[in-house]
Protein backbone atom coordinates (compact mmCIF):
# COMPACT_ATOMS: atom_id res chain seq x y z
CA MET A 1 -77.25 -75.94 48.49
CA ILE A 2 -77.41 -73.35 51.26
CA LYS A 3 -78.98 -70.28 49.63
CA SER A 4 -78.15 -66.72 50.58
CA GLU A 5 -81.07 -64.30 50.99
CA SER A 6 -78.92 -61.51 49.64
CA ARG A 7 -77.52 -61.49 46.14
CA ARG A 8 -74.51 -59.55 47.24
CA CYS A 9 -71.27 -61.48 46.98
CA HIS A 10 -69.96 -62.24 50.45
CA ILE A 11 -66.41 -61.28 49.47
CA CYS A 12 -66.52 -58.35 47.04
CA GLY A 13 -69.96 -57.07 48.06
CA HIS A 14 -71.13 -56.50 44.47
CA ILE A 15 -74.66 -57.50 43.46
CA ARG A 16 -74.11 -60.35 41.03
CA LYS A 17 -75.31 -63.83 40.18
CA LEU A 18 -73.87 -66.02 42.88
CA THR A 19 -72.14 -69.38 42.50
CA ASP A 20 -71.59 -72.38 44.76
CA ASP A 21 -68.48 -72.45 46.91
CA HIS A 22 -67.46 -75.80 48.38
CA VAL A 23 -66.43 -75.49 52.03
CA PRO A 24 -64.02 -77.19 52.47
CA PRO A 25 -62.70 -76.94 48.88
CA LYS A 26 -63.26 -79.93 46.62
CA ASN A 27 -59.54 -80.76 46.52
CA CYS A 28 -59.34 -81.48 50.24
CA MET A 29 -62.43 -83.59 50.82
CA THR A 30 -64.30 -86.59 49.45
CA LEU A 31 -67.51 -85.41 47.82
CA GLU A 32 -70.35 -87.46 49.24
CA LYS A 33 -73.85 -87.12 50.67
CA VAL A 34 -73.82 -85.27 53.99
CA ASP A 35 -76.37 -83.98 56.47
CA VAL A 36 -75.70 -80.43 57.62
CA GLN A 37 -77.25 -79.11 60.81
CA SER A 38 -77.18 -75.73 62.49
CA LEU A 39 -75.02 -75.57 65.58
CA LEU A 40 -77.86 -73.64 67.20
CA SER A 41 -80.26 -76.52 66.54
CA VAL A 42 -77.75 -79.01 67.96
CA ILE A 43 -77.67 -77.01 71.18
CA LEU A 44 -81.37 -76.09 71.40
CA GLY A 45 -83.02 -79.00 69.62
CA ASN A 46 -83.79 -79.98 66.04
CA ASN A 47 -87.27 -78.56 65.55
CA ILE A 48 -86.45 -74.87 65.35
CA VAL A 49 -86.14 -72.28 62.61
CA TYR A 50 -83.65 -69.43 62.66
CA ASP A 51 -84.16 -66.30 60.54
CA ASN A 52 -86.48 -68.25 58.16
CA HIS A 53 -83.74 -70.78 57.34
CA LYS A 54 -84.09 -74.53 57.63
CA LEU A 55 -81.49 -75.60 60.14
CA LYS A 56 -80.99 -79.12 58.86
CA GLN A 57 -80.31 -79.87 55.19
CA GLN A 58 -78.83 -82.64 53.06
CA PHE A 59 -76.21 -82.23 50.33
CA GLN A 60 -75.36 -84.80 47.66
CA ASN A 61 -71.82 -83.68 46.75
CA GLY A 62 -70.25 -82.01 49.74
CA ILE A 63 -71.21 -78.73 51.39
CA LYS A 64 -71.91 -75.82 49.04
CA TYR A 65 -72.73 -72.22 49.85
CA ASN A 66 -74.37 -70.16 47.10
CA THR A 67 -72.84 -66.94 48.40
CA ILE A 68 -69.98 -65.66 46.21
CA CYS A 69 -69.83 -64.41 42.63
CA GLU A 70 -68.13 -66.29 39.83
CA GLU A 71 -65.15 -63.93 39.81
CA CYS A 72 -64.43 -64.33 43.53
CA ASN A 73 -65.05 -68.08 43.36
CA SER A 74 -62.60 -68.42 40.47
CA LYS A 75 -59.98 -66.35 42.29
CA LEU A 76 -60.29 -68.45 45.45
CA GLY A 77 -59.77 -71.59 43.39
CA LEU A 78 -56.94 -70.17 41.27
CA TYR A 79 -54.95 -68.32 43.94
CA TYR A 80 -55.49 -70.20 47.18
CA ASP A 81 -57.30 -73.55 47.02
CA LYS A 82 -54.32 -75.48 45.63
CA THR A 83 -52.19 -74.40 48.60
CA LEU A 84 -55.00 -74.99 51.11
CA GLY A 85 -55.84 -78.39 49.63
CA LYS A 86 -52.23 -79.58 49.66
CA PHE A 87 -51.78 -78.42 53.24
CA ILE A 88 -54.90 -80.24 54.46
CA ASN A 89 -54.10 -83.40 52.46
CA ASP A 90 -50.47 -83.51 53.65
CA LEU A 91 -51.64 -83.10 57.23
CA THR A 92 -54.29 -85.79 56.78
CA ASP A 93 -51.67 -88.21 55.42
CA ILE A 94 -49.56 -87.65 58.53
CA PHE A 95 -52.36 -88.32 60.99
CA ASP A 96 -53.91 -91.18 59.03
CA SER A 97 -50.60 -93.03 58.71
CA LYS A 98 -49.72 -95.85 61.07
CA LEU A 99 -46.45 -94.20 62.00
CA GLN A 100 -45.95 -92.70 65.43
CA ILE A 101 -46.40 -88.94 65.22
CA PRO A 102 -43.75 -86.89 67.04
CA PRO A 103 -44.95 -84.37 69.66
CA ASN A 104 -43.55 -81.55 67.53
CA PHE A 105 -43.21 -81.37 63.76
CA THR A 106 -43.39 -78.88 60.89
CA LEU A 107 -45.19 -78.80 57.56
CA LYS A 108 -44.01 -76.63 54.68
CA SER A 109 -46.56 -74.40 52.98
CA LYS A 110 -47.14 -70.89 51.59
CA PRO A 111 -48.68 -69.01 54.52
CA PHE A 112 -49.84 -65.99 52.49
CA ARG A 113 -52.01 -68.16 50.24
CA LEU A 114 -53.05 -70.45 53.08
CA ILE A 115 -54.20 -67.57 55.29
CA LYS A 116 -56.18 -65.85 52.56
CA GLY A 117 -57.81 -69.11 51.44
CA ILE A 118 -59.01 -69.80 54.99
CA LEU A 119 -60.32 -66.25 55.36
CA GLY A 120 -62.06 -66.31 51.97
CA HIS A 121 -63.93 -69.53 52.66
CA SER A 122 -64.84 -68.30 56.15
CA LEU A 123 -66.73 -65.44 54.48
CA SER A 124 -68.53 -67.64 51.96
CA ALA A 125 -69.65 -70.22 54.55
CA SER A 126 -72.42 -68.04 55.92
CA LEU A 127 -76.18 -67.91 55.36
CA ASN A 128 -76.35 -64.19 55.97
CA PHE A 129 -74.26 -61.43 54.46
CA PRO A 130 -71.11 -61.14 56.61
CA ASP A 131 -71.02 -57.67 58.10
CA THR A 132 -69.47 -57.90 61.56
CA VAL A 133 -66.44 -55.79 62.45
CA LEU A 134 -64.33 -58.91 61.98
CA ASP A 135 -65.84 -59.60 58.55
CA GLU A 136 -65.22 -56.04 57.40
CA LYS A 137 -61.58 -56.36 58.43
CA ILE A 138 -61.21 -59.55 56.38
CA LYS A 139 -62.93 -58.58 53.10
CA PRO A 140 -60.42 -56.00 51.75
CA ILE A 141 -57.40 -58.26 52.14
CA ILE A 142 -58.62 -61.42 50.40
CA PHE A 143 -57.46 -60.60 46.86
CA ASP A 144 -55.32 -57.50 47.46
CA GLU A 145 -51.69 -58.62 47.20
CA ASN A 146 -50.53 -55.29 48.62
CA ASN A 147 -52.89 -55.36 51.58
CA SER A 148 -51.10 -57.25 54.33
CA ILE A 149 -52.78 -59.07 57.19
CA PRO A 150 -53.71 -56.54 59.92
CA GLU A 151 -51.70 -56.82 63.11
CA ASP A 152 -54.85 -57.33 65.18
CA LEU A 153 -56.20 -60.19 63.04
CA ASN A 154 -55.15 -63.64 64.23
CA ILE A 155 -55.62 -67.17 62.95
CA TYR A 156 -54.85 -69.72 65.64
CA TYR A 157 -54.73 -73.39 64.72
CA TYR A 158 -54.71 -76.72 66.48
CA ILE A 159 -55.10 -80.41 65.69
CA SER A 160 -58.64 -81.77 66.06
CA PHE A 161 -59.65 -85.34 65.27
CA ILE A 162 -63.30 -84.71 64.42
CA ARG A 163 -63.72 -86.15 60.92
CA ASN A 164 -66.59 -84.01 59.69
CA PRO A 165 -66.02 -80.38 58.69
CA TYR A 166 -67.79 -77.57 60.46
CA VAL A 167 -67.92 -73.78 60.48
CA ILE A 168 -68.82 -71.61 63.46
CA GLN A 169 -69.74 -68.02 62.66
CA ASN A 170 -69.96 -65.06 65.03
CA PHE A 171 -69.39 -66.97 68.24
CA LEU A 172 -68.98 -65.24 71.58
CA ILE A 173 -67.47 -66.96 74.57
CA ILE A 174 -66.77 -65.77 78.09
CA PRO A 175 -64.04 -67.95 79.61
CA ASN A 176 -64.80 -69.59 82.95
CA ASN A 177 -61.06 -70.07 83.45
CA SER A 178 -57.80 -69.22 81.72
CA LEU A 179 -56.89 -72.83 80.88
CA TYR A 180 -56.68 -72.21 77.12
CA LEU A 181 -55.52 -68.61 77.27
CA SER A 182 -52.07 -67.04 77.41
CA ASN A 183 -53.03 -64.80 80.35
CA ASP A 184 -55.61 -64.62 83.13
CA GLU A 185 -57.93 -62.08 81.50
CA LEU A 186 -61.44 -63.55 81.33
CA ASN A 187 -63.00 -60.96 79.00
CA SER A 188 -65.31 -62.13 76.20
CA ILE A 189 -63.83 -63.43 72.94
CA PHE A 190 -65.51 -63.08 69.53
CA PHE A 191 -64.38 -65.43 66.77
CA LYS A 192 -65.06 -67.65 63.78
CA LEU A 193 -63.96 -71.28 63.71
CA VAL A 194 -63.30 -73.31 60.54
CA HIS A 195 -62.57 -77.02 60.87
CA PHE A 196 -61.26 -79.22 58.05
CA TYR A 197 -60.02 -82.55 59.42
CA PRO A 198 -57.50 -82.75 61.03
CA ILE A 199 -57.10 -79.06 61.83
CA SER A 200 -59.20 -76.24 63.24
CA PHE A 201 -58.63 -72.53 62.64
CA ILE A 202 -59.83 -69.83 65.03
CA ILE A 203 -60.18 -66.42 63.35
CA THR A 204 -60.30 -63.58 65.84
CA GLU A 205 -59.05 -60.13 66.79
CA ASP A 206 -58.23 -61.49 70.23
CA ASN A 207 -54.61 -62.37 71.06
CA ARG A 208 -55.06 -64.51 74.15
CA PHE A 209 -55.32 -68.08 72.85
CA ASN A 210 -52.42 -70.24 73.94
CA LEU A 211 -52.13 -71.86 70.51
CA ASN A 212 -49.89 -71.71 67.47
CA ASN A 213 -50.62 -68.59 65.41
CA LEU A 214 -50.61 -68.85 61.62
CA THR A 215 -50.63 -65.07 61.22
CA LYS A 216 -47.14 -64.80 62.66
CA PHE A 217 -46.24 -65.23 58.96
CA ARG A 218 -48.30 -62.16 58.00
CA LYS A 219 -45.29 -60.34 56.50
CA LEU A 220 -44.35 -63.05 53.99
CA GLU A 221 -44.83 -62.56 50.25
CA LYS A 222 -47.41 -64.60 48.34
CA ASN A 223 -45.00 -67.30 47.11
CA GLU A 224 -42.71 -67.48 50.13
CA THR A 225 -42.70 -70.81 51.94
CA ALA A 226 -42.35 -71.44 55.65
CA ASN A 227 -42.27 -74.36 58.02
CA ILE A 228 -45.52 -74.29 59.98
CA ASP A 229 -45.15 -75.59 63.51
CA PHE A 230 -47.34 -78.22 65.09
CA THR A 231 -47.18 -78.79 68.82
CA ASN A 232 -49.49 -81.58 69.88
CA SER A 233 -49.73 -80.22 73.41
CA LYS A 234 -51.03 -76.89 72.08
CA ARG A 235 -54.58 -77.81 71.21
CA LEU A 236 -58.12 -77.39 72.38
CA PRO A 237 -60.43 -80.30 73.18
CA ASP A 238 -62.44 -81.69 70.28
CA ASP A 239 -65.67 -80.43 71.88
CA PHE A 240 -64.47 -76.82 71.98
CA PRO A 241 -66.24 -74.54 72.70
CA SER A 242 -67.62 -76.46 75.67
CA THR A 243 -69.96 -75.06 78.30
CA GLN A 244 -67.66 -76.62 80.92
CA ASP A 245 -64.97 -74.06 80.14
CA PHE A 246 -66.92 -71.15 78.67
CA MET A 247 -70.20 -69.34 78.80
CA ILE A 248 -71.13 -69.67 75.13
CA MET A 249 -73.34 -67.58 72.87
CA PRO A 250 -73.51 -69.25 69.42
CA GLY A 251 -74.41 -67.37 66.27
CA GLY A 252 -77.35 -68.92 64.42
CA ASP A 253 -75.30 -68.86 61.24
CA SER A 254 -73.05 -71.78 62.22
CA TYR A 255 -73.19 -75.26 60.72
CA VAL A 256 -71.88 -78.72 61.52
CA VAL A 257 -71.90 -81.91 59.44
CA LYS A 258 -73.69 -84.80 61.10
């Protein structure tokens, strides 16, 4: 398991005995042996150490982060993982079928639970205690039913056919062009990226990605359903973020499955 140096829970912040969180959740993946490698080591080479952490590890039953307390882990599973798992599995069934997939389609889900499940697991999937401005904006809303999604917090999503899951933490890009943006501003963008085949989620305060935005449903109640749009033309390349399109500055706390 990936051990946290701190014993503070990555969601509630209390000092407690920490438990293993599967990222992605167990109900939307096949538990098997996987090799997990730091994104930084993929870019810079395998024989490096970052912040005293081994950057390549092997897991026997899926990817587990020992970073959240039992209470937060139980709440993630009870409140959100069923919705997140069903959403990912339904989407996987669509793309793994032999039927021709239309250019535009919708998938019904409960966006409130889906959004908070994605955000919760994005906090747990980190070697270091999450304390960026973006992290601090996310923490208070995970389990607070009365705390709506802030207007300046966005979760963009797009179809990606990479089979293995990966999480990118604290990534900074400076666009070389506006190809994937909704305007021509080329200012830097700070984000997290969570990928569970066949979908990637970009979590950011920026509002310039020319992608479908899950947080447009931010005002819905916890059990309200909505038809979530998928537009095949609105997607980023599978190698995003690529140095061809961006100047990239990866956080060391980002992992991919090899």
